[in-house]
C-alpha atoms as a PDB file:
ATOM      1  CA  MET A   1     -21.114 -18.091  -8.699  1.00  0.00           C
ATOM      2  CA  PRO A   2     -19.509 -21.551  -8.145  1.00  0.00           C
ATOM      3  CA  PHE A   3     -18.029 -20.623  -4.747  1.00  0.00           C
ATOM      4  CA  SER A   4     -19.006 -18.817  -1.581  1.00  0.00           C
ATOM      5  CA  ARG A   5     -17.575 -15.659  -0.061  1.00  0.00           C
ATOM      6  CA  ASP A   6     -15.920 -17.727   2.682  1.00  0.00           C
ATOM      7  CA  GLN A   7     -14.263 -20.000   0.116  1.00  0.00           C
ATOM      8  CA  PHE A   8     -13.053 -16.967  -1.820  1.00  0.00           C
ATOM      9  CA  PHE A   9     -11.241 -15.463   1.155  1.00  0.00           C
ATOM     10  CA  ALA A  10     -10.024 -18.876   2.365  1.00  0.00           C
ATOM     11  CA  VAL A  11      -8.175 -19.286  -0.939  1.00  0.00           C
ATOM     12  CA  PHE A  12      -6.412 -15.967  -0.365  1.00  0.00           C
ATOM     13  CA  ALA A  13      -5.461 -17.049   3.141  1.00  0.00           C
ATOM     14  CA  GLN A  14      -3.855 -20.220   1.786  1.00  0.00           C
ATOM     15  CA  TYR A  15      -2.287 -18.435  -1.171  1.00  0.00           C
ATOM     16  CA  ASN A  16      -0.677 -15.645   0.841  1.00  0.00           C
ATOM     17  CA  ALA A  17       0.607 -18.049   3.501  1.00  0.00           C
ATOM     18  CA  GLU A  18       2.124 -20.525   1.061  1.00  0.00           C
ATOM     19  CA  MET A  19       3.463 -17.969  -1.429  1.00  0.00           C
ATOM     20  CA  TRP A  20       5.236 -15.814   1.152  1.00  0.00           C
ATOM     21  CA  PRO A  21       7.126 -13.513   0.533  1.00  0.00           C
ATOM     22  CA  MET A  22       5.343 -12.913  -2.788  1.00  0.00           C
ATOM     23  CA  PRO A  23       3.220 -10.107  -1.278  1.00  0.00           C
ATOM     24  CA  ILE A  24       6.414  -8.273  -0.330  1.00  0.00           C
ATOM     25  CA  ALA A  25       7.960  -8.950  -3.737  1.00  0.00           C
ATOM     26  CA  GLY A  26       4.840  -7.574  -5.417  1.00  0.00           C
ATOM     27  CA  TYR A  27       5.187  -4.255  -3.614  1.00  0.00           C
ATOM     28  CA  VAL A  28       8.896  -4.083  -4.417  1.00  0.00           C
ATOM     29  CA  ILE A  29       8.157  -4.622  -8.112  1.00  0.00           C
ATOM     30  CA  GLY A  30       5.349  -2.072  -8.027  1.00  0.00           C
ATOM     31  CA  LEU A  31       7.436   0.589  -6.305  1.00  0.00           C
ATOM     32  CA  LEU A  32      10.280   0.001  -8.751  1.00  0.00           C
ATOM     33  CA  ALA A  33       7.902   0.463 -11.694  1.00  0.00           C
ATOM     34  CA  VAL A  34       6.562   3.703 -10.188  1.00  0.00           C
ATOM     35  CA  GLY A  35      10.090   4.971  -9.564  1.00  0.00           C
ATOM     36  CA  LEU A  36      11.033   4.273 -13.196  1.00  0.00           C
ATOM     37  CA  LEU A  37       8.191   6.524 -14.354  1.00  0.00           C
ATOM     38  CA  PHE A  38      10.265   9.452 -13.126  1.00  0.00           C
ATOM     39  CA  TRP A  39      13.295   8.305 -15.150  1.00  0.00           C
ATOM     40  CA  GLU A  40      12.284   8.765 -18.763  1.00  0.00           C
ATOM     41  CA  SER A  41      14.784   6.709 -20.709  1.00  0.00           C
ATOM     42  CA  ARG A  42      15.231   3.782 -23.063  1.00  0.00           C
ATOM     43  CA  ALA A  43      15.895   1.546 -20.056  1.00  0.00           C
ATOM     44  CA  SER A  44      12.667   2.499 -18.270  1.00  0.00           C
ATOM     45  CA  ALA A  45      10.714   2.007 -21.506  1.00  0.00           C
ATOM     46  CA  ILE A  46      11.787  -1.636 -21.426  1.00  0.00           C
ATOM     47  CA  MET A  47      11.912  -2.274 -17.682  1.00  0.00           C
ATOM     48  CA  ILE A  48       8.432  -1.015 -16.767  1.00  0.00           C
ATOM     49  CA  PRO A  49       6.607  -3.400 -19.151  1.00  0.00           C
ATOM     50  CA  THR A  50       8.894  -6.203 -18.004  1.00  0.00           C
ATOM     51  CA  LEU A  51       7.939  -5.578 -14.374  1.00  0.00           C
ATOM     52  CA  LEU A  52       4.253  -5.564 -15.310  1.00  0.00           C
ATOM     53  CA  ALA A  53       4.751  -8.846 -17.142  1.00  0.00           C
ATOM     54  CA  ALA A  54       6.325 -10.373 -14.019  1.00  0.00           C
ATOM     55  CA  LEU A  55       3.259  -9.443 -11.953  1.00  0.00           C
ATOM     56  CA  TRP A  56       0.866 -10.900 -14.521  1.00  0.00           C
ATOM     57  CA  ILE A  57       2.863 -14.132 -14.780  1.00  0.00           C
ATOM     58  CA  ALA A  58       2.811 -14.496 -11.000  1.00  0.00           C
ATOM     59  CA  ASN A  59      -0.950 -13.890 -10.912  1.00  0.00           C
ATOM     60  CA  GLY A  60      -1.658 -16.260 -13.777  1.00  0.00           C
ATOM     61  CA  ALA A  61       0.647 -19.127 -12.855  1.00  0.00           C
ATOM     62  CA  GLY A  62       0.306 -18.720  -9.098  1.00  0.00           C
ATOM     63  CA  TYR A  63      -3.107 -17.486  -8.083  1.00  0.00           C
ATOM     64  CA  HIS A  64      -5.343 -18.508 -10.981  1.00  0.00           C
ATOM     65  CA  ALA A  65      -3.760 -21.783 -12.090  1.00  0.00           C
ATOM     66  CA  ILE A  66      -3.019 -23.267  -8.671  1.00  0.00           C
ATOM     67  CA  TYR A  67      -5.266 -21.661  -6.052  1.00  0.00           C
ATOM     68  CA  PHE A  68      -8.335 -20.095  -7.643  1.00  0.00           C
ATOM     69  CA  ALA A  69      -8.776 -23.218  -9.763  1.00  0.00           C
ATOM     70  CA  GLN A  70      -9.518 -25.101  -6.532  1.00  0.00           C
ATOM     71  CA  ILE A  71     -12.893 -23.375  -6.202  1.00  0.00           C
ATOM     72  CA  ASN A  72     -13.594 -22.099  -9.716  1.00  0.00           C
ATOM     73  CA  PRO A  73     -13.506 -24.334 -12.827  1.00  0.00           C
ATOM     74  CA  LEU A  74     -12.703 -21.221 -14.862  1.00  0.00           C
ATOM     75  CA  GLY A  75      -9.433 -20.766 -12.967  1.00  0.00           C
ATOM     76  CA  PRO A  76      -7.335 -22.309 -15.773  1.00  0.00           C
ATOM     77  CA  VAL A  77      -9.091 -20.087 -18.310  1.00  0.00           C
ATOM     78  CA  PHE A  78      -8.248 -16.994 -16.288  1.00  0.00           C
ATOM     79  CA  ALA A  79      -4.682 -18.276 -15.900  1.00  0.00           C
ATOM     80  CA  THR A  80      -4.384 -18.546 -19.674  1.00  0.00           C
ATOM     81  CA  LEU A  81      -5.744 -15.021 -20.025  1.00  0.00           C
ATOM     82  CA  PHE A  82      -3.158 -13.621 -17.610  1.00  0.00           C
ATOM     83  CA  LEU A  83      -0.261 -15.640 -18.998  1.00  0.00           C
ATOM     84  CA  GLY A  84      -1.276 -14.770 -22.540  1.00  0.00           C
ATOM     85  CA  VAL A  85      -1.060 -11.038 -21.926  1.00  0.00           C
ATOM     86  CA  SER A  86       2.269 -11.185 -20.096  1.00  0.00           C
ATOM     87  CA  PRO A  87       4.460 -11.451 -23.210  1.00  0.00           C
ATOM     88  CA  LEU A  88       2.352  -8.752 -24.862  1.00  0.00           C
ATOM     89  CA  VAL A  89       2.982  -6.408 -21.951  1.00  0.00           C
ATOM     90  CA  TYR A  90       6.694  -6.827 -22.522  1.00  0.00           C
ATOM     91  CA  GLY A  91       7.962  -4.375 -25.080  1.00  0.00           C
ATOM     92  CA  ASP A  92       9.618  -1.045 -25.726  1.00  0.00           C
ATOM     93  CA  MET A  93       7.151   1.648 -24.627  1.00  0.00           C
ATOM     94  CA  ASN A  94       7.514   5.275 -23.673  1.00  0.00           C
ATOM     95  CA  PHE A  95       5.978   6.394 -20.387  1.00  0.00           C
ATOM     96  CA  ARG A  96       5.543  10.083 -19.644  1.00  0.00           C
ATOM     97  CA  LEU A  97       4.269  12.083 -16.699  1.00  0.00           C
ATOM     98  CA  ARG A  98       2.447  15.123 -18.033  1.00  0.00           C
ATOM     99  CA  ARG A  99       0.412  17.932 -16.549  1.00  0.00           C
ATOM    100  CA  ASP A 100      -2.879  16.606 -17.800  1.00  0.00           C
ATOM    101  CA  ALA A 101      -5.981  14.738 -16.672  1.00  0.00           C
ATOM    102  CA  ARG A 102      -4.728  11.380 -17.923  1.00  0.00           C
ATOM    103  CA  THR A 103      -1.643  11.559 -15.706  1.00  0.00           C
ATOM    104  CA  VAL A 104      -3.721  12.557 -12.675  1.00  0.00           C
ATOM    105  CA  VAL A 105      -6.108   9.649 -13.248  1.00  0.00           C
ATOM    106  CA  ALA A 106      -3.264   7.214 -13.931  1.00  0.00           C
ATOM    107  CA  LEU A 107      -1.376   8.097 -10.758  1.00  0.00           C
ATOM    108  CA  GLY A 108      -4.649   8.019  -8.843  1.00  0.00           C
ATOM    109  CA  LEU A 109      -5.258   4.422  -9.976  1.00  0.00           C
ATOM    110  CA  VAL A 110      -1.697   3.447  -9.081  1.00  0.00           C
ATOM    111  CA  GLY A 111      -2.048   4.961  -5.612  1.00  0.00           C
ATOM    112  CA  PHE A 112      -5.445   3.352  -5.137  1.00  0.00           C
ATOM    113  CA  ALA A 113      -4.104  -0.108  -6.024  1.00  0.00           C
ATOM    114  CA  MET A 114      -1.083   0.074  -3.740  1.00  0.00           C
ATOM    115  CA  VAL A 115      -2.405   2.088  -0.776  1.00  0.00           C
ATOM    116  CA  ILE A 116      -6.151   2.693  -0.691  1.00  0.00           C
ATOM    117  CA  TYR A 117      -7.178  -0.811  -1.836  1.00  0.00           C
ATOM    118  CA  PRO A 118      -5.559  -2.643   1.119  1.00  0.00           C
ATOM    119  CA  LEU A 119      -6.594   0.042   3.623  1.00  0.00           C
ATOM    120  CA  TRP A 120     -10.188  -0.132   2.423  1.00  0.00           C
ATOM    121  CA  GLY A 121     -10.033  -3.896   2.860  1.00  0.00           C
ATOM    122  CA  VAL A 122      -8.915  -3.499   6.472  1.00  0.00           C
ATOM    123  CA  LEU A 123     -11.708  -0.995   7.145  1.00  0.00           C
ATOM    124  CA  VAL A 124     -14.336  -3.511   6.018  1.00  0.00           C
ATOM    125  CA  GLY A 125     -12.780  -6.341   8.044  1.00  0.00           C
ATOM    126  CA  HIS A 126     -10.552  -8.096   5.497  1.00  0.00           C
ATOM    127  CA  LEU A 127      -7.504  -9.056   7.533  1.00  0.00           C
ATOM    128  CA  TYR A 128      -4.274 -10.595   6.290  1.00  0.00           C
ATOM    129  CA  PRO A 129      -3.697 -13.278   5.103  1.00  0.00           C
ATOM    130  CA  ALA A 130      -7.352 -13.795   4.040  1.00  0.00           C
ATOM    131  CA  VAL A 131      -7.278 -10.756   1.779  1.00  0.00           C
ATOM    132  CA  PRO A 132      -6.280  -9.876  -1.804  1.00  0.00           C
ATOM    133  CA  VAL A 133      -2.861  -8.218  -1.777  1.00  0.00           C
ATOM    134  CA  PHE A 134      -1.385  -5.911  -4.394  1.00  0.00           C
ATOM    135  CA  GLY A 135       1.056  -7.620  -6.733  1.00  0.00           C
ATOM    136  CA  SER A 136      -0.011 -11.170  -5.911  1.00  0.00           C
ATOM    137  CA  ALA A 137      -3.790 -10.751  -6.333  1.00  0.00           C
ATOM    138  CA  PRO A 138      -5.380 -10.036  -9.726  1.00  0.00           C
ATOM    139  CA  CYS A 139      -7.749  -7.191  -8.859  1.00  0.00           C
ATOM    140  CA  PRO A 140      -5.383  -4.584  -7.341  1.00  0.00           C
ATOM    141  CA  THR A 141      -2.713  -5.663  -9.839  1.00  0.00           C
ATOM    142  CA  THR A 142      -5.101  -4.985 -12.723  1.00  0.00           C
ATOM    143  CA  ILE A 143      -5.983  -1.530 -11.403  1.00  0.00           C
ATOM    144  CA  PHE A 144      -2.265  -0.776 -11.078  1.00  0.00           C
ATOM    145  CA  THR A 145      -1.560  -2.045 -14.605  1.00  0.00           C
ATOM    146  CA  ILE A 146      -4.277   0.110 -16.136  1.00  0.00           C
ATOM    147  CA  GLY A 147      -2.879   3.125 -14.304  1.00  0.00           C
ATOM    148  CA  ILE A 148       0.646   2.497 -15.590  1.00  0.00           C
ATOM    149  CA  LEU A 149      -0.514   1.842 -19.158  1.00  0.00           C
ATOM    150  CA  LEU A 150      -2.461   5.114 -19.197  1.00  0.00           C
ATOM    151  CA  LEU A 151       0.930   6.837 -18.932  1.00  0.00           C
ATOM    152  CA  ALA A 152       2.265   5.107 -22.040  1.00  0.00           C
ATOM    153  CA  ASP A 153       1.890   6.239 -25.637  1.00  0.00           C
ATOM    154  CA  TRP A 154      -1.720   5.424 -26.478  1.00  0.00           C
ATOM    155  CA  THR A 155      -0.886   3.786 -29.815  1.00  0.00           C
ATOM    156  CA  ALA A 156       1.389   1.329 -28.025  1.00  0.00           C
ATOM    157  CA  ALA A 157      -0.789   0.743 -24.965  1.00  0.00           C
ATOM    158  CA  ARG A 158      -4.326   0.637 -26.345  1.00  0.00           C
ATOM    159  CA  TRP A 159      -4.334  -3.049 -27.288  1.00  0.00           C
ATOM    160  CA  LEU A 160      -2.626  -3.957 -24.028  1.00  0.00           C
ATOM    161  CA  MET A 161      -5.645  -2.465 -22.242  1.00  0.00           C
ATOM    162  CA  VAL A 162      -7.945  -5.185 -23.617  1.00  0.00           C
ATOM    163  CA  VAL A 163      -7.143  -8.022 -21.195  1.00  0.00           C
ATOM    164  CA  PRO A 164      -6.944  -5.777 -18.087  1.00  0.00           C
ATOM    165  CA  GLY A 165     -10.259  -4.316 -19.232  1.00  0.00           C
ATOM    166  CA  ILE A 166     -11.796  -7.788 -19.500  1.00  0.00           C
ATOM    167  CA  TRP A 167     -10.586  -8.700 -16.033  1.00  0.00           C
ATOM    168  CA  ALA A 168     -11.873  -5.369 -14.697  1.00  0.00           C
ATOM    169  CA  MET A 169     -15.348  -6.438 -15.823  1.00  0.00           C
ATOM    170  CA  ILE A 170     -15.000  -9.956 -14.407  1.00  0.00           C
ATOM    171  CA  GLY A 171     -13.269  -9.017 -11.174  1.00  0.00           C
ATOM    172  CA  GLY A 172     -15.472  -5.966 -10.711  1.00  0.00           C
ATOM    173  CA  SER A 173     -18.441  -8.290 -10.258  1.00  0.00           C
ATOM    174  CA  ALA A 174     -16.880  -9.321  -6.921  1.00  0.00           C
ATOM    175  CA  ALA A 175     -17.651  -5.844  -5.622  1.00  0.00           C
ATOM    176  CA  ILE A 176     -21.318  -6.703  -5.910  1.00  0.00           C
ATOM    177  CA  LEU A 177     -21.502 -10.482  -5.522  1.00  0.00           C
ATOM    178  CA  LEU A 178     -18.876 -11.115  -2.832  1.00  0.00           C
ATOM    179  CA  GLY A 179     -18.928  -7.914  -0.830  1.00  0.00           C
ATOM    180  CA  VAL A 180     -15.467  -6.663  -1.786  1.00  0.00           C
ATOM    181  CA  PRO A 181     -16.096  -2.904  -2.046  1.00  0.00           C
ATOM    182  CA  GLN A 182     -12.503  -2.058  -2.914  1.00  0.00           C
ATOM    183  CA  ASP A 183     -13.041  -3.908  -6.207  1.00  0.00           C
ATOM    184  CA  TRP A 184     -15.251  -1.025  -7.315  1.00  0.00           C
ATOM    185  CA  GLY A 185     -11.862   0.401  -8.258  1.00  0.00           C
ATOM    186  CA  LEU A 186     -11.795  -2.091 -11.142  1.00  0.00           C
ATOM    187  CA  LEU A 187     -14.981  -0.637 -12.585  1.00  0.00           C
ATOM    188  CA  VAL A 188     -13.619   2.881 -12.215  1.00  0.00           C
ATOM    189  CA  ALA A 189     -10.406   1.819 -13.986  1.00  0.00           C
ATOM    190  CA  LEU A 190     -12.460   0.264 -16.791  1.00  0.00           C
ATOM    191  CA  ALA A 191     -14.482   3.468 -17.108  1.00  0.00           C
ATOM    192  CA  MET A 192     -11.246   5.450 -17.434  1.00  0.00           C
ATOM    193  CA  ILE A 193     -10.101   3.233 -20.306  1.00  0.00           C
ATOM    194  CA  VAL A 194     -13.378   3.915 -22.085  1.00  0.00           C
ATOM    195  CA  VAL A 195     -13.264   7.655 -21.395  1.00  0.00           C
ATOM    196  CA  PHE A 196      -9.743   8.132 -22.711  1.00  0.00           C
ATOM    197  CA  ALA A 197     -10.334   5.804 -25.667  1.00  0.00           C
ATOM    198  CA  ILE A 198     -13.346   7.899 -26.692  1.00  0.00           C
ATOM    199  CA  GLY A 199     -11.270  11.034 -26.225  1.00  0.00           C
ATOM    200  CA  ARG A 200      -8.555   9.705 -28.521  1.00  0.00           C
ATOM    201  CA  LEU A 201     -11.108   8.728 -31.169  1.00  0.00           C
ATOM    202  CA  ARG A 202     -12.681  12.184 -30.973  1.00  0.00           C
ATOM    203  CA  ASP A 203      -9.279  13.886 -31.297  1.00  0.00           C
ATOM    204  CA  ALA A 204      -8.424  11.681 -34.276  1.00  0.00           C
ATOM    205  CA  ALA A 205     -11.734  12.574 -35.937  1.00  0.00           C
ATOM    206  CA  PHE A 206     -11.111  16.311 -35.470  1.00  0.00           C
ATOM    207  CA  ALA A 207      -7.592  15.941 -36.865  1.00  0.00           C
ATOM    208  CA  ARG A 208      -8.976  14.484 -40.104  1.00  0.00           C
ATOM    209  CA  HIS A 209     -11.226  17.500 -40.691  1.00  0.00           C
END
């Protein structure tokens, strides 16, 4: 690890202070995306991925490229990863709320990213601005993205899960190495991708027989 825990949180303090009101904008974008899930239409199929793309661009160009790069030489690499997925997230996708386990898990991840993640941070002593914030920080944003994509048609969303899944593995290490317990949510989100991917493969195999 090329940086200390104190350096990690100091970067967030600087980032949140200098990028204000990005934390507010992130929540506005997130709430708008959630609201559009309840409006199944051609417009929402385009707008939801566009909103996700905006969050990933902000995380890549803002946090990774400018701030995280100050303490981690891999910052530009992570920025490229985030910026590279942003145009892929944009597209025409159908999102549906169903009465099934995938919808329950998806909405659970969304709620965790926007509500439980910051509250958990406060409970363990992470106080604003030295704290990762939904929408402007990669980890809660990734959990949120995975939750939203689980509500999309699997054939359209499966490849878009790859980069969030990679970051879930990378960012999830912070839960262990830096003492950020709320980042365990990343590992749970990654596990859900694997579980539902295996389920789809199993269903496809049964359909062929």
